[in-house]
Amino acid sequence: MPILRDATTYTLALSDFTNSGGDEYTMFADGHGTTRELDAQVVLEYIQQLGTVTPVVGQRIRAVTGN
């Protein structure tokens, strides 16, 4: 269903990147968006609350050798 062009106000949660028009979502970079909290600040505060972060690689990265 398309969004009607009427007086309705919609609230969206977007990343800073998308809100500033990243990945060609230029319709969001029209100055009407409001940034309440920057992504980097939210992540920083979360990590500070955790105290210690222990990253693990797991099985996501694999060495590739040529033939």
C-alpha atoms as a PDB file:
ATOM      1  CA  MET A   1       0.000   0.000   0.000  1.00  0.00           C
ATOM      2  CA  PRO A   2       1.552   3.352  -0.980  1.00  0.00           C
ATOM      3  CA  ILE A   3       1.977   6.151   1.559  1.00  0.00           C
ATOM      4  CA  LEU A   4      -0.668   8.779   0.935  1.00  0.00           C
ATOM      5  CA  ARG A   5       0.383  12.378   0.385  1.00  0.00           C
ATOM      6  CA  ASP A   6      -1.788  13.899   3.077  1.00  0.00           C
ATOM      7  CA  ALA A   7      -1.230  15.599   6.446  1.00  0.00           C
ATOM      8  CA  THR A   8      -0.311  12.353   8.208  1.00  0.00           C
ATOM      9  CA  THR A   9       2.998  12.422  10.111  1.00  0.00           C
ATOM     10  CA  TYR A  10       5.085   9.255  10.085  1.00  0.00           C
ATOM     11  CA  THR A  11       7.931   8.375  12.438  1.00  0.00           C
ATOM     12  CA  LEU A  12      10.820   6.246  11.158  1.00  0.00           C
ATOM     13  CA  ALA A  13      13.940   4.883  12.753  1.00  0.00           C
ATOM     14  CA  LEU A  14      16.882   5.119  10.361  1.00  0.00           C
ATOM     15  CA  SER A  15      20.635   4.941  10.611  1.00  0.00           C
ATOM     16  CA  ASP A  16      22.531   8.225  10.334  1.00  0.00           C
ATOM     17  CA  PHE A  17      23.848   7.032   6.972  1.00  0.00           C
ATOM     18  CA  THR A  18      20.389   6.488   5.476  1.00  0.00           C
ATOM     19  CA  ASN A  19      18.942   9.630   7.079  1.00  0.00           C
ATOM     20  CA  SER A  20      21.602  11.710   5.337  1.00  0.00           C
ATOM     21  CA  GLY A  21      20.787  10.235   1.911  1.00  0.00           C
ATOM     22  CA  GLY A  22      23.249   7.339   1.821  1.00  0.00           C
ATOM     23  CA  ASP A  23      22.790   4.490  -0.690  1.00  0.00           C
ATOM     24  CA  GLU A  24      20.790   6.868  -2.882  1.00  0.00           C
ATOM     25  CA  TYR A  25      17.982   7.354  -0.323  1.00  0.00           C
ATOM     26  CA  THR A  26      18.149  11.050  -1.147  1.00  0.00           C
ATOM     27  CA  MET A  27      14.481  11.552  -0.262  1.00  0.00           C
ATOM     28  CA  PHE A  28      15.519  11.411   3.407  1.00  0.00           C
ATOM     29  CA  ALA A  29      18.198  14.118   3.024  1.00  0.00           C
ATOM     30  CA  ASP A  30      15.670  16.886   2.512  1.00  0.00           C
ATOM     31  CA  GLY A  31      16.259  18.553   5.891  1.00  0.00           C
ATOM     32  CA  HIS A  32      13.030  17.265   7.434  1.00  0.00           C
ATOM     33  CA  GLY A  33      14.668  14.374   9.286  1.00  0.00           C
ATOM     34  CA  THR A  34      15.720  14.751  12.902  1.00  0.00           C
ATOM     35  CA  THR A  35      18.690  12.983  14.408  1.00  0.00           C
ATOM     36  CA  ARG A  36      18.027  12.256  18.058  1.00  0.00           C
ATOM     37  CA  GLU A  37      21.130  10.200  18.721  1.00  0.00           C
ATOM     38  CA  LEU A  38      24.117   9.510  16.498  1.00  0.00           C
ATOM     39  CA  ASP A  39      24.756   5.810  15.836  1.00  0.00           C
ATOM     40  CA  ALA A  40      28.362   6.025  16.995  1.00  0.00           C
ATOM     41  CA  GLN A  41      27.337   7.624  20.289  1.00  0.00           C
ATOM     42  CA  VAL A  42      24.719   4.941  20.979  1.00  0.00           C
ATOM     43  CA  VAL A  43      27.244   2.152  20.313  1.00  0.00           C
ATOM     44  CA  LEU A  44      29.886   3.890  22.445  1.00  0.00           C
ATOM     45  CA  GLU A  45      27.522   4.211  25.408  1.00  0.00           C
ATOM     46  CA  TYR A  46      26.471   0.568  25.079  1.00  0.00           C
ATOM     47  CA  ILE A  47      30.086  -0.618  25.085  1.00  0.00           C
ATOM     48  CA  GLN A  48      30.858   1.597  28.072  1.00  0.00           C
ATOM     49  CA  GLN A  49      27.942   0.008  29.967  1.00  0.00           C
ATOM     50  CA  LEU A  50      29.252  -3.474  29.162  1.00  0.00           C
ATOM     51  CA  GLY A  51      32.653  -2.567  30.552  1.00  0.00           C
ATOM     52  CA  THR A  52      34.588  -5.224  28.656  1.00  0.00           C
ATOM     53  CA  VAL A  53      34.132  -6.346  25.076  1.00  0.00           C
ATOM     54  CA  THR A  54      35.727  -9.588  23.962  1.00  0.00           C
ATOM     55  CA  PRO A  55      35.468  -9.864  20.178  1.00  0.00           C
ATOM     56  CA  VAL A  56      35.637 -13.265  18.543  1.00  0.00           C
ATOM     57  CA  VAL A  57      36.117 -14.122  14.904  1.00  0.00           C
ATOM     58  CA  GLY A  58      34.191 -17.376  14.941  1.00  0.00           C
ATOM     59  CA  GLN A  59      33.728 -19.033  11.557  1.00  0.00           C
ATOM     60  CA  ARG A  60      33.027 -15.875   9.573  1.00  0.00           C
ATOM     61  CA  ILE A  61      36.558 -15.415   8.232  1.00  0.00           C
ATOM     62  CA  ARG A  62      38.318 -18.227   6.417  1.00  0.00           C
ATOM     63  CA  ALA A  63      41.724 -18.382   4.812  1.00  0.00           C
ATOM     64  CA  VAL A  64      41.578 -18.930   1.060  1.00  0.00           C
ATOM     65  CA  THR A  65      44.540 -20.440  -0.713  1.00  0.00           C
ATOM     66  CA  GLY A  66      45.170 -20.413  -4.464  1.00  0.00           C
ATOM     67  CA  ASN A  67      45.488 -23.530  -6.573  1.00  0.00           C
END
